[in-house]
Amino acid sequence: MDVLAKEGFDAVTMRRIAQELETGPASLYAHVSNKDELAELMLDAVLAGVPLPEPDPARWDEQVKDLVHAQIRVMVAHPGIARVAWDIAVPVTPSSLRLGEAMLALLRAGGLELKQATFAGDALGLYAKAYAYEASGWTWGEIDAAEVSERGRQMVDYMRSLPAEAFPNMLRIGEFFSAETAAERLGFALDTFLAGLKAMAAKK
């Protein structure tokens, strides 16, 4: 984790960690099978920093949003970790399991059946990872700002060349996609999703 913080995720190699521990790379394989397993354990260490709430049926929806935001914060705080989270289909480390159980408990406290809570938790987890992945790219310079700016300029030029009558809405949405609207877009998505879950729970 020290190498990650100081030098970034790409610097975390078996050879580099062996040097840090003043040993040979071969000795590390007695503890982890490869870099992928090491990365998953690093993700687990990061997720251990997410505070897990005691479910409160009176404010379960706010607790869900807080949990998603906390998950995003810890991933974005460590370079490359959001990428690790995105690459792992179903993490089954202790911290990820506790996080999953906490999310399910909150959703069940909101009145959802287990199947509904499972699907909702999966969707929320995917959204958190996707948002963290994008935010991490900007935070740690993994996204080339100049390249994105040029790509954006090309997109604007192309969109302006299209017939306005064919795309009356698409030609006007550019202002809503920027770094400044990122938090607002996340809030909108969570509010909308949770409103649907509450309506679903109310039908029981």
N, C-alpha and C. Protein backbone atom coordinates (compact mmCIF):
# COMPACT_ATOMS: atom_id res chain seq x y z
N MET A 1 0.83 -1.20 0.00
CA MET A 1 0.00 0.00 0.00
C MET A 1 0.88 1.26 0.00
N ASP A 2 2.05 1.19 0.62
CA ASP A 2 2.98 2.33 0.60
C ASP A 2 3.48 2.60 -0.82
N VAL A 3 3.83 1.54 -1.53
CA VAL A 3 4.28 1.70 -2.92
C VAL A 3 3.15 2.27 -3.76
N LEU A 4 1.95 1.79 -3.55
CA LEU A 4 0.78 2.28 -4.29
C LEU A 4 0.61 3.77 -4.06
N ALA A 5 0.69 4.20 -2.81
CA ALA A 5 0.46 5.61 -2.48
C ALA A 5 1.55 6.51 -3.05
N LYS A 6 2.78 6.02 -3.03
CA LYS A 6 3.91 6.86 -3.46
C LYS A 6 4.15 6.83 -4.97
N GLU A 7 3.92 5.66 -5.59
CA GLU A 7 4.33 5.49 -6.98
C GLU A 7 3.22 5.10 -7.94
N GLY A 8 2.03 4.81 -7.42
CA GLY A 8 0.92 4.43 -8.29
C GLY A 8 0.83 2.93 -8.49
N PHE A 9 -0.30 2.50 -9.03
CA PHE A 9 -0.58 1.07 -9.14
C PHE A 9 0.36 0.33 -10.08
N ASP A 10 0.76 0.97 -11.15
CA ASP A 10 1.64 0.29 -12.11
C ASP A 10 2.99 -0.06 -11.51
N ALA A 11 3.36 0.63 -10.44
CA ALA A 11 4.64 0.33 -9.78
C ALA A 11 4.55 -0.89 -8.88
N VAL A 12 3.33 -1.33 -8.60
CA VAL A 12 3.14 -2.48 -7.71
C VAL A 12 3.34 -3.77 -8.50
N THR A 13 4.56 -4.21 -8.58
CA THR A 13 4.90 -5.48 -9.23
C THR A 13 5.47 -6.41 -8.17
N MET A 14 5.49 -7.69 -8.48
CA MET A 14 6.05 -8.64 -7.53
C MET A 14 7.52 -8.32 -7.26
N ARG A 15 8.25 -7.93 -8.29
CA ARG A 15 9.67 -7.59 -8.13
C ARG A 15 9.84 -6.35 -7.23
N ARG A 16 8.98 -5.34 -7.49
CA ARG A 16 9.10 -4.10 -6.70
C ARG A 16 8.78 -4.35 -5.23
N ILE A 17 7.74 -5.14 -4.97
CA ILE A 17 7.38 -5.42 -3.58
C ILE A 17 8.46 -6.25 -2.90
N ALA A 18 9.05 -7.16 -3.65
CA ALA A 18 10.15 -7.97 -3.09
C ALA A 18 11.32 -7.07 -2.70
N GLN A 19 11.62 -6.09 -3.55
CA GLN A 19 12.69 -5.14 -3.22
C GLN A 19 12.36 -4.37 -1.95
N GLU A 20 11.12 -3.96 -1.82
CA GLU A 20 10.70 -3.21 -0.64
C GLU A 20 10.84 -4.04 0.63
N LEU A 21 10.62 -5.34 0.49
CA LEU A 21 10.71 -6.25 1.65
C LEU A 21 12.09 -6.87 1.79
N GLU A 22 13.00 -6.44 0.91
CA GLU A 22 14.38 -6.92 0.94
C GLU A 22 14.45 -8.45 0.84
N THR A 23 13.72 -8.95 -0.15
CA THR A 23 13.73 -10.39 -0.41
C THR A 23 13.64 -10.60 -1.92
N GLY A 24 13.51 -11.85 -2.35
CA GLY A 24 13.39 -12.14 -3.77
C GLY A 24 11.93 -12.35 -4.15
N PRO A 25 11.60 -12.08 -5.44
CA PRO A 25 10.21 -12.26 -5.89
C PRO A 25 9.67 -13.66 -5.60
N ALA A 26 10.52 -14.68 -5.73
CA ALA A 26 10.06 -16.05 -5.53
C ALA A 26 9.48 -16.27 -4.13
N SER A 27 10.03 -15.56 -3.15
CA SER A 27 9.55 -15.76 -1.78
C SER A 27 8.13 -15.23 -1.58
N LEU A 28 7.73 -14.28 -2.44
CA LEU A 28 6.38 -13.73 -2.30
C LEU A 28 5.31 -14.75 -2.68
N TYR A 29 5.69 -15.69 -3.55
CA TYR A 29 4.70 -16.66 -4.02
C TYR A 29 4.30 -17.67 -2.95
N ALA A 30 4.96 -17.62 -1.82
CA ALA A 30 4.52 -18.44 -0.69
C ALA A 30 3.30 -17.81 -0.02
N HIS A 31 3.04 -16.52 -0.36
CA HIS A 31 1.95 -15.79 0.28
C HIS A 31 0.83 -15.43 -0.70
N VAL A 32 1.20 -15.09 -1.94
CA VAL A 32 0.20 -14.79 -2.98
C VAL A 32 0.61 -15.50 -4.26
N SER A 33 -0.37 -15.92 -5.04
CA SER A 33 -0.06 -16.71 -6.23
C SER A 33 0.42 -15.85 -7.40
N ASN A 34 -0.04 -14.58 -7.46
CA ASN A 34 0.36 -13.69 -8.56
C ASN A 34 -0.06 -12.26 -8.22
N LYS A 35 0.22 -11.34 -9.15
CA LYS A 35 -0.11 -9.94 -8.90
C LYS A 35 -1.61 -9.73 -8.80
N ASP A 36 -2.40 -10.52 -9.54
CA ASP A 36 -3.86 -10.37 -9.47
C ASP A 36 -4.36 -10.63 -8.06
N GLU A 37 -3.84 -11.66 -7.43
CA GLU A 37 -4.26 -11.95 -6.06
C GLU A 37 -3.79 -10.85 -5.11
N LEU A 38 -2.59 -10.35 -5.32
CA LEU A 38 -2.07 -9.25 -4.52
C LEU A 38 -2.97 -8.02 -4.67
N ALA A 39 -3.38 -7.74 -5.90
CA ALA A 39 -4.25 -6.59 -6.16
C ALA A 39 -5.60 -6.75 -5.46
N GLU A 40 -6.13 -7.97 -5.47
CA GLU A 40 -7.41 -8.22 -4.81
C GLU A 40 -7.29 -8.01 -3.30
N LEU A 41 -6.16 -8.41 -2.73
CA LEU A 41 -5.94 -8.20 -1.30
C LEU A 41 -5.77 -6.72 -0.99
N MET A 42 -5.17 -5.98 -1.91
CA MET A 42 -5.05 -4.53 -1.73
C MET A 42 -6.43 -3.88 -1.77
N LEU A 43 -7.27 -4.32 -2.69
CA LEU A 43 -8.64 -3.81 -2.75
C LEU A 43 -9.36 -4.11 -1.44
N ASP A 44 -9.14 -5.30 -0.90
CA ASP A 44 -9.77 -5.67 0.36
C ASP A 44 -9.32 -4.74 1.48
N ALA A 45 -8.03 -4.40 1.50
CA ALA A 45 -7.52 -3.50 2.52
C ALA A 45 -8.15 -2.12 2.40
N VAL A 46 -8.37 -1.67 1.17
CA VAL A 46 -8.99 -0.37 0.94
C VAL A 46 -10.45 -0.39 1.39
N LEU A 47 -11.18 -1.44 1.02
CA LEU A 47 -12.59 -1.53 1.38
C LEU A 47 -12.80 -1.67 2.88
N ALA A 48 -11.77 -2.11 3.58
CA ALA A 48 -11.87 -2.21 5.04
C ALA A 48 -12.08 -0.85 5.68
N GLY A 49 -11.75 0.21 4.94
CA GLY A 49 -11.92 1.57 5.45
C GLY A 49 -13.31 2.13 5.28
N VAL A 50 -14.23 1.36 4.70
CA VAL A 50 -15.61 1.82 4.53
C VAL A 50 -16.38 1.59 5.82
N PRO A 51 -16.92 2.64 6.45
CA PRO A 51 -17.72 2.43 7.66
C PRO A 51 -19.04 1.75 7.33
N LEU A 52 -19.38 0.73 8.09
CA LEU A 52 -20.60 -0.04 7.83
C LEU A 52 -21.67 0.36 8.85
N PRO A 53 -22.81 0.87 8.38
CA PRO A 53 -23.85 1.36 9.28
C PRO A 53 -24.72 0.25 9.85
N GLU A 54 -25.34 0.54 10.98
CA GLU A 54 -26.37 -0.34 11.53
C GLU A 54 -27.68 0.05 10.84
N PRO A 55 -28.34 -0.91 10.18
CA PRO A 55 -29.54 -0.56 9.41
C PRO A 55 -30.62 0.14 10.24
N ASP A 56 -31.13 1.23 9.70
CA ASP A 56 -32.21 1.99 10.33
C ASP A 56 -33.37 2.07 9.34
N PRO A 57 -34.44 1.32 9.55
CA PRO A 57 -35.56 1.32 8.60
C PRO A 57 -36.13 2.70 8.31
N ALA A 58 -35.92 3.64 9.23
CA ALA A 58 -36.48 4.98 9.05
C ALA A 58 -35.68 5.80 8.05
N ARG A 59 -34.43 5.42 7.83
CA ARG A 59 -33.58 6.20 6.91
C ARG A 59 -32.65 5.30 6.10
N TRP A 60 -33.14 4.14 5.76
CA TRP A 60 -32.32 3.17 5.05
C TRP A 60 -31.83 3.69 3.70
N ASP A 61 -32.67 4.51 3.02
CA ASP A 61 -32.28 5.02 1.71
C ASP A 61 -31.09 5.98 1.82
N GLU A 62 -31.09 6.82 2.84
CA GLU A 62 -29.95 7.72 3.06
C GLU A 62 -28.70 6.92 3.42
N GLN A 63 -28.89 5.85 4.17
CA GLN A 63 -27.76 5.00 4.54
C GLN A 63 -27.17 4.32 3.30
N VAL A 64 -28.02 3.91 2.37
CA VAL A 64 -27.54 3.29 1.13
C VAL A 64 -26.69 4.30 0.35
N LYS A 65 -27.19 5.53 0.23
CA LYS A 65 -26.42 6.55 -0.48
C LYS A 65 -25.09 6.82 0.21
N ASP A 66 -25.12 6.89 1.53
CA ASP A 66 -23.87 7.12 2.28
C ASP A 66 -22.88 6.00 2.05
N LEU A 67 -23.39 4.76 2.00
CA LEU A 67 -22.51 3.61 1.81
C LEU A 67 -21.89 3.61 0.41
N VAL A 68 -22.68 3.96 -0.59
CA VAL A 68 -22.16 4.05 -1.95
C VAL A 68 -21.09 5.14 -2.04
N HIS A 69 -21.39 6.30 -1.47
CA HIS A 69 -20.42 7.41 -1.49
C HIS A 69 -19.13 7.03 -0.76
N ALA A 70 -19.26 6.34 0.37
CA ALA A 70 -18.07 5.94 1.12
C ALA A 70 -17.23 4.96 0.32
N GLN A 71 -17.89 4.04 -0.36
CA GLN A 71 -17.19 3.06 -1.19
C GLN A 71 -16.42 3.77 -2.31
N ILE A 72 -17.06 4.74 -2.94
CA ILE A 72 -16.41 5.50 -4.01
C ILE A 72 -15.22 6.27 -3.46
N ARG A 73 -15.40 6.91 -2.31
CA ARG A 73 -14.32 7.73 -1.73
C ARG A 73 -13.06 6.92 -1.48
N VAL A 74 -13.20 5.75 -0.87
CA VAL A 74 -11.99 4.98 -0.54
C VAL A 74 -11.31 4.45 -1.80
N MET A 75 -12.09 4.10 -2.82
CA MET A 75 -11.47 3.62 -4.05
C MET A 75 -10.73 4.74 -4.78
N VAL A 76 -11.34 5.91 -4.84
CA VAL A 76 -10.73 7.03 -5.54
C VAL A 76 -9.49 7.53 -4.79
N ALA A 77 -9.45 7.32 -3.48
CA ALA A 77 -8.33 7.80 -2.67
C ALA A 77 -7.04 7.02 -2.92
N HIS A 78 -7.13 5.87 -3.60
CA HIS A 78 -5.96 5.04 -3.85
C HIS A 78 -5.82 4.81 -5.36
N PRO A 79 -4.73 5.29 -5.96
CA PRO A 79 -4.57 5.18 -7.42
C PRO A 79 -4.62 3.74 -7.92
N GLY A 80 -5.46 3.51 -8.92
CA GLY A 80 -5.53 2.19 -9.54
C GLY A 80 -6.48 1.21 -8.89
N ILE A 81 -6.93 1.49 -7.67
CA ILE A 81 -7.77 0.53 -6.95
C ILE A 81 -9.15 0.41 -7.60
N ALA A 82 -9.68 1.50 -8.10
CA ALA A 82 -10.98 1.43 -8.78
C ALA A 82 -10.88 0.54 -10.01
N ARG A 83 -9.73 0.58 -10.69
CA ARG A 83 -9.52 -0.29 -11.85
C ARG A 83 -9.51 -1.75 -11.41
N VAL A 84 -8.88 -2.03 -10.28
CA VAL A 84 -8.86 -3.39 -9.75
C VAL A 84 -10.28 -3.84 -9.45
N ALA A 85 -11.05 -2.98 -8.78
CA ALA A 85 -12.43 -3.32 -8.43
C ALA A 85 -13.26 -3.60 -9.68
N TRP A 86 -13.03 -2.82 -10.73
CA TRP A 86 -13.79 -3.01 -11.97
C TRP A 86 -13.43 -4.33 -12.65
N ASP A 87 -12.16 -4.72 -12.56
CA ASP A 87 -11.71 -5.93 -13.25
C ASP A 87 -12.14 -7.21 -12.55
N ILE A 88 -12.40 -7.13 -11.25
CA ILE A 88 -12.80 -8.32 -10.50
C ILE A 88 -14.31 -8.47 -10.56
N ALA A 89 -14.78 -9.53 -11.17
CA ALA A 89 -16.22 -9.71 -11.36
C ALA A 89 -16.95 -9.81 -10.03
N VAL A 90 -16.53 -10.74 -9.18
CA VAL A 90 -17.20 -10.94 -7.89
C VAL A 90 -16.13 -11.11 -6.81
N PRO A 91 -15.71 -10.03 -6.17
CA PRO A 91 -14.71 -10.16 -5.11
C PRO A 91 -15.28 -10.91 -3.91
N VAL A 92 -14.50 -11.81 -3.35
CA VAL A 92 -14.98 -12.60 -2.20
C VAL A 92 -13.97 -12.53 -1.05
N THR A 93 -13.39 -11.38 -0.86
CA THR A 93 -12.48 -11.17 0.26
C THR A 93 -13.29 -10.74 1.48
N PRO A 94 -12.71 -10.81 2.67
CA PRO A 94 -13.47 -10.48 3.89
C PRO A 94 -14.15 -9.11 3.86
N SER A 95 -13.43 -8.08 3.46
CA SER A 95 -14.01 -6.74 3.46
C SER A 95 -15.12 -6.59 2.43
N SER A 96 -14.92 -7.18 1.25
CA SER A 96 -15.95 -7.08 0.22
C SER A 96 -17.21 -7.84 0.64
N LEU A 97 -17.02 -8.96 1.33
CA LEU A 97 -18.18 -9.71 1.81
C LEU A 97 -18.93 -8.94 2.89
N ARG A 98 -18.19 -8.29 3.80
CA ARG A 98 -18.84 -7.49 4.84
C ARG A 98 -19.57 -6.30 4.23
N LEU A 99 -18.97 -5.70 3.21
CA LEU A 99 -19.61 -4.58 2.52
C LEU A 99 -20.89 -5.04 1.82
N GLY A 100 -20.83 -6.18 1.16
CA GLY A 100 -22.01 -6.73 0.50
C GLY A 100 -23.11 -7.06 1.47
N GLU A 101 -22.74 -7.64 2.61
CA GLU A 101 -23.73 -7.98 3.64
C GLU A 101 -24.37 -6.72 4.20
N ALA A 102 -23.57 -5.67 4.40
CA ALA A 102 -24.10 -4.41 4.92
C ALA A 102 -25.10 -3.79 3.95
N MET A 103 -24.77 -3.83 2.66
CA MET A 103 -25.69 -3.26 1.66
C MET A 103 -26.99 -4.05 1.61
N LEU A 104 -26.88 -5.37 1.65
CA LEU A 104 -28.10 -6.20 1.64
C LEU A 104 -28.95 -5.92 2.87
N ALA A 105 -28.32 -5.76 4.03
CA ALA A 105 -29.06 -5.50 5.26
C ALA A 105 -29.82 -4.18 5.17
N LEU A 106 -29.19 -3.16 4.58
CA LEU A 106 -29.87 -1.87 4.41
C LEU A 106 -31.06 -2.00 3.47
N LEU A 107 -30.87 -2.70 2.37
CA LEU A 107 -31.95 -2.85 1.39
C LEU A 107 -33.10 -3.69 1.96
N ARG A 108 -32.75 -4.70 2.74
CA ARG A 108 -33.80 -5.50 3.40
C ARG A 108 -34.54 -4.66 4.44
N ALA A 109 -33.81 -3.75 5.12
CA ALA A 109 -34.44 -2.87 6.09
C ALA A 109 -35.44 -1.93 5.41
N GLY A 110 -35.23 -1.70 4.11
CA GLY A 110 -36.14 -0.87 3.34
C GLY A 110 -37.37 -1.61 2.85
N GLY A 111 -37.45 -2.90 3.15
CA GLY A 111 -38.63 -3.68 2.79
C GLY A 111 -38.49 -4.52 1.54
N LEU A 112 -37.30 -4.61 0.98
CA LEU A 112 -37.12 -5.41 -0.22
C LEU A 112 -36.96 -6.88 0.13
N GLU A 113 -37.45 -7.73 -0.75
CA GLU A 113 -37.22 -9.17 -0.61
C GLU A 113 -35.76 -9.45 -0.95
N LEU A 114 -35.28 -10.63 -0.56
CA LEU A 114 -33.87 -10.95 -0.74
C LEU A 114 -33.45 -10.88 -2.21
N LYS A 115 -34.27 -11.40 -3.11
CA LYS A 115 -33.93 -11.37 -4.53
C LYS A 115 -33.85 -9.92 -5.02
N GLN A 116 -34.82 -9.10 -4.63
CA GLN A 116 -34.82 -7.70 -5.02
C GLN A 116 -33.59 -6.98 -4.47
N ALA A 117 -33.29 -7.25 -3.21
CA ALA A 117 -32.14 -6.62 -2.56
C ALA A 117 -30.84 -7.05 -3.24
N THR A 118 -30.78 -8.31 -3.64
CA THR A 118 -29.58 -8.83 -4.31
C THR A 118 -29.35 -8.11 -5.63
N PHE A 119 -30.40 -8.01 -6.44
CA PHE A 119 -30.27 -7.33 -7.73
C PHE A 119 -29.96 -5.85 -7.55
N ALA A 120 -30.61 -5.23 -6.57
CA ALA A 120 -30.37 -3.80 -6.31
C ALA A 120 -28.94 -3.57 -5.83
N GLY A 121 -28.48 -4.43 -4.93
CA GLY A 121 -27.12 -4.30 -4.42
C GLY A 121 -26.09 -4.48 -5.52
N ASP A 122 -26.36 -5.41 -6.43
CA ASP A 122 -25.45 -5.63 -7.56
C ASP A 122 -25.39 -4.39 -8.44
N ALA A 123 -26.55 -3.80 -8.75
CA ALA A 123 -26.59 -2.60 -9.59
C ALA A 123 -25.88 -1.43 -8.92
N LEU A 124 -26.09 -1.26 -7.63
CA LEU A 124 -25.45 -0.16 -6.91
C LEU A 124 -23.94 -0.35 -6.85
N GLY A 125 -23.52 -1.60 -6.68
CA GLY A 125 -22.09 -1.89 -6.67
C GLY A 125 -21.43 -1.59 -8.00
N LEU A 126 -22.11 -1.96 -9.08
CA LEU A 126 -21.58 -1.69 -10.42
C LEU A 126 -21.49 -0.19 -10.68
N TYR A 127 -22.50 0.54 -10.24
CA TYR A 127 -22.50 1.98 -10.46
C TYR A 127 -21.38 2.63 -9.66
N ALA A 128 -21.20 2.19 -8.42
CA ALA A 128 -20.13 2.74 -7.58
C ALA A 128 -18.77 2.49 -8.21
N LYS A 129 -18.55 1.28 -8.73
CA LYS A 129 -17.26 0.96 -9.35
C LYS A 129 -17.03 1.78 -10.61
N ALA A 130 -18.07 1.92 -11.42
CA ALA A 130 -17.94 2.68 -12.66
C ALA A 130 -17.64 4.15 -12.37
N TYR A 131 -18.36 4.73 -11.40
CA TYR A 131 -18.14 6.13 -11.06
C TYR A 131 -16.74 6.31 -10.48
N ALA A 132 -16.33 5.40 -9.59
CA ALA A 132 -15.00 5.49 -8.99
C ALA A 132 -13.92 5.34 -10.05
N TYR A 133 -14.14 4.46 -11.01
CA TYR A 133 -13.17 4.24 -12.08
C TYR A 133 -12.93 5.52 -12.87
N GLU A 134 -14.03 6.19 -13.24
CA GLU A 134 -13.91 7.44 -14.00
C GLU A 134 -13.28 8.54 -13.14
N ALA A 135 -13.77 8.70 -11.91
CA ALA A 135 -13.25 9.74 -11.02
C ALA A 135 -11.78 9.52 -10.71
N SER A 136 -11.40 8.26 -10.53
CA SER A 136 -10.00 7.93 -10.24
C SER A 136 -9.10 8.30 -11.41
N GLY A 137 -9.60 8.08 -12.62
CA GLY A 137 -8.82 8.41 -13.81
C GLY A 137 -8.49 9.89 -13.87
N TRP A 138 -9.46 10.74 -13.50
CA TRP A 138 -9.22 12.18 -13.48
C TRP A 138 -8.33 12.57 -12.32
N THR A 139 -8.58 11.95 -11.16
CA THR A 139 -7.84 12.31 -9.94
C THR A 139 -6.35 12.01 -10.05
N TRP A 140 -6.04 10.85 -10.63
CA TRP A 140 -4.65 10.40 -10.64
C TRP A 140 -3.97 10.53 -12.00
N GLY A 141 -4.60 11.24 -12.92
CA GLY A 141 -3.96 11.50 -14.20
C GLY A 141 -3.94 10.33 -15.15
N GLU A 142 -4.76 9.30 -14.88
CA GLU A 142 -4.82 8.16 -15.79
C GLU A 142 -5.56 8.53 -17.08
N ILE A 143 -6.38 9.57 -17.00
CA ILE A 143 -7.07 10.10 -18.17
C ILE A 143 -6.30 11.31 -18.66
N ASP A 144 -5.97 11.32 -19.93
CA ASP A 144 -5.22 12.43 -20.53
C ASP A 144 -6.18 13.58 -20.80
N ALA A 145 -6.08 14.64 -20.00
CA ALA A 145 -7.01 15.77 -20.12
C ALA A 145 -6.95 16.41 -21.51
N ALA A 146 -5.74 16.54 -22.07
CA ALA A 146 -5.60 17.16 -23.39
C ALA A 146 -6.27 16.31 -24.46
N GLU A 147 -6.11 15.00 -24.34
CA GLU A 147 -6.72 14.09 -25.31
C GLU A 147 -8.24 14.14 -25.21
N VAL A 148 -8.75 14.17 -23.99
CA VAL A 148 -10.20 14.24 -23.79
C VAL A 148 -10.75 15.56 -24.33
N SER A 149 -10.00 16.64 -24.09
CA SER A 149 -10.44 17.95 -24.58
C SER A 149 -10.51 17.98 -26.10
N GLU A 150 -9.50 17.39 -26.75
CA GLU A 150 -9.50 17.33 -28.21
C GLU A 150 -10.63 16.46 -28.73
N ARG A 151 -10.84 15.34 -28.05
CA ARG A 151 -11.95 14.46 -28.43
C ARG A 151 -13.28 15.18 -28.27
N GLY A 152 -13.41 15.94 -27.19
CA GLY A 152 -14.63 16.70 -26.96
C GLY A 152 -14.86 17.74 -28.04
N ARG A 153 -13.78 18.43 -28.46
CA ARG A 153 -13.89 19.43 -29.51
C ARG A 153 -14.35 18.79 -30.82
N GLN A 154 -13.81 17.60 -31.11
CA GLN A 154 -14.20 16.89 -32.33
C GLN A 154 -15.68 16.48 -32.27
N MET A 155 -16.11 16.04 -31.09
CA MET A 155 -17.50 15.63 -30.93
C MET A 155 -18.44 16.81 -31.12
N VAL A 156 -18.07 17.98 -30.55
CA VAL A 156 -18.90 19.18 -30.69
C VAL A 156 -19.00 19.58 -32.16
N ASP A 157 -17.86 19.56 -32.85
CA ASP A 157 -17.87 19.91 -34.28
C ASP A 157 -18.75 18.95 -35.07
N TYR A 158 -18.65 17.68 -34.74
CA TYR A 158 -19.46 16.69 -35.46
C TYR A 158 -20.94 16.90 -35.16
N MET A 159 -21.27 17.10 -33.89
CA MET A 159 -22.67 17.27 -33.52
C MET A 159 -23.27 18.50 -34.19
N ARG A 160 -22.47 19.57 -34.28
CA ARG A 160 -22.96 20.79 -34.91
C ARG A 160 -23.19 20.61 -36.41
N SER A 161 -22.57 19.60 -37.00
CA SER A 161 -22.74 19.35 -38.43
C SER A 161 -24.03 18.57 -38.73
N LEU A 162 -24.66 18.05 -37.68
CA LEU A 162 -25.87 17.26 -37.87
C LEU A 162 -27.09 18.15 -38.01
N PRO A 163 -28.13 17.66 -38.69
CA PRO A 163 -29.35 18.46 -38.84
C PRO A 163 -30.06 18.63 -37.50
N ALA A 164 -30.30 19.86 -37.10
CA ALA A 164 -30.91 20.15 -35.80
C ALA A 164 -32.28 19.50 -35.64
N GLU A 165 -33.03 19.43 -36.75
CA GLU A 165 -34.37 18.87 -36.65
C GLU A 165 -34.37 17.36 -36.39
N ALA A 166 -33.25 16.70 -36.72
CA ALA A 166 -33.16 15.25 -36.50
C ALA A 166 -32.74 14.91 -35.08
N PHE A 167 -31.99 15.81 -34.44
CA PHE A 167 -31.49 15.55 -33.09
C PHE A 167 -31.71 16.77 -32.19
N PRO A 168 -32.97 17.17 -31.99
CA PRO A 168 -33.24 18.39 -31.22
C PRO A 168 -32.79 18.31 -29.77
N ASN A 169 -32.74 17.12 -29.21
CA ASN A 169 -32.32 16.97 -27.81
C ASN A 169 -30.83 16.67 -27.68
N MET A 170 -30.34 15.75 -28.51
CA MET A 170 -28.93 15.36 -28.43
C MET A 170 -27.99 16.55 -28.65
N LEU A 171 -28.40 17.49 -29.47
CA LEU A 171 -27.54 18.63 -29.77
C LEU A 171 -27.47 19.63 -28.61
N ARG A 172 -28.28 19.42 -27.57
CA ARG A 172 -28.32 20.40 -26.47
C ARG A 172 -27.81 19.84 -25.15
N ILE A 173 -27.40 18.56 -25.11
CA ILE A 173 -27.08 17.96 -23.81
C ILE A 173 -25.62 18.12 -23.39
N GLY A 174 -24.79 18.68 -24.25
CA GLY A 174 -23.37 18.78 -23.94
C GLY A 174 -23.08 19.48 -22.62
N GLU A 175 -23.86 20.49 -22.30
CA GLU A 175 -23.62 21.27 -21.08
C GLU A 175 -23.81 20.44 -19.81
N PHE A 176 -24.49 19.31 -19.92
CA PHE A 176 -24.76 18.50 -18.74
C PHE A 176 -23.68 17.45 -18.48
N PHE A 177 -22.72 17.35 -19.38
CA PHE A 177 -21.64 16.38 -19.21
C PHE A 177 -20.31 17.09 -19.02
N SER A 178 -19.90 17.20 -17.78
CA SER A 178 -18.63 17.84 -17.45
C SER A 178 -18.19 17.37 -16.08
N ALA A 179 -16.97 17.71 -15.72
CA ALA A 179 -16.48 17.36 -14.39
C ALA A 179 -17.32 18.03 -13.32
N GLU A 180 -17.84 19.21 -13.63
CA GLU A 180 -18.63 19.96 -12.65
C GLU A 180 -19.97 19.30 -12.35
N THR A 181 -20.50 18.55 -13.30
CA THR A 181 -21.81 17.92 -13.09
C THR A 181 -21.70 16.47 -12.62
N ALA A 182 -20.48 15.98 -12.42
CA ALA A 182 -20.30 14.57 -12.07
C ALA A 182 -21.03 14.20 -10.79
N ALA A 183 -20.85 14.98 -9.73
CA ALA A 183 -21.49 14.69 -8.45
C ALA A 183 -23.01 14.79 -8.57
N GLU A 184 -23.48 15.77 -9.34
CA GLU A 184 -24.91 15.94 -9.54
C GLU A 184 -25.50 14.74 -10.29
N ARG A 185 -24.77 14.25 -11.28
CA ARG A 185 -25.24 13.08 -12.04
C ARG A 185 -25.31 11.84 -11.15
N LEU A 186 -24.30 11.69 -10.28
CA LEU A 186 -24.32 10.56 -9.35
C LEU A 186 -25.51 10.67 -8.40
N GLY A 187 -25.72 11.87 -7.86
CA GLY A 187 -26.85 12.07 -6.95
C GLY A 187 -28.18 11.79 -7.62
N PHE A 188 -28.32 12.24 -8.86
CA PHE A 188 -29.56 11.99 -9.60
C PHE A 188 -29.79 10.50 -9.80
N ALA A 189 -28.74 9.78 -10.18
CA ALA A 189 -28.87 8.35 -10.42
C ALA A 189 -29.28 7.62 -9.14
N LEU A 190 -28.64 7.95 -8.03
CA LEU A 190 -28.95 7.27 -6.77
C LEU A 190 -30.37 7.61 -6.31
N ASP A 191 -30.74 8.89 -6.39
CA ASP A 191 -32.09 9.30 -5.97
C ASP A 191 -33.16 8.60 -6.80
N THR A 192 -32.94 8.54 -8.10
CA THR A 192 -33.91 7.91 -9.00
C THR A 192 -34.02 6.42 -8.73
N PHE A 193 -32.87 5.77 -8.58
CA PHE A 193 -32.85 4.33 -8.34
C PHE A 193 -33.53 4.01 -7.01
N LEU A 194 -33.22 4.76 -5.97
CA LEU A 194 -33.80 4.49 -4.66
C LEU A 194 -35.29 4.80 -4.62
N ALA A 195 -35.71 5.80 -5.38
CA ALA A 195 -37.15 6.09 -5.46
C ALA A 195 -37.88 4.89 -6.05
N GLY A 196 -37.27 4.27 -7.05
CA GLY A 196 -37.87 3.06 -7.63
C GLY A 196 -37.92 1.91 -6.64
N LEU A 197 -36.84 1.75 -5.86
CA LEU A 197 -36.81 0.68 -4.86
C LEU A 197 -37.87 0.90 -3.79
N LYS A 198 -38.02 2.15 -3.36
CA LYS A 198 -39.04 2.44 -2.34
C LYS A 198 -40.44 2.16 -2.87
N ALA A 199 -40.68 2.51 -4.12
CA ALA A 199 -41.98 2.22 -4.72
C ALA A 199 -42.20 0.72 -4.82
N MET A 200 -41.16 -0.02 -5.14
CA MET A 200 -41.27 -1.46 -5.23
C MET A 200 -41.57 -2.08 -3.86
N ALA A 201 -40.88 -1.60 -2.83
CA ALA A 201 -41.10 -2.12 -1.48
C ALA A 201 -42.51 -1.80 -0.99
N ALA A 202 -43.04 -0.65 -1.39
CA ALA A 202 -44.36 -0.23 -0.95
C ALA A 202 -45.48 -1.07 -1.53
N LYS A 203 -45.20 -1.79 -2.61
CA LYS A 203 -46.22 -2.62 -3.25
C LYS A 203 -46.45 -3.92 -2.52
N LYS A 204 -45.56 -4.26 -1.59
CA LYS A 204 -45.68 -5.55 -0.90
C LYS A 204 -46.91 -5.59 -0.01
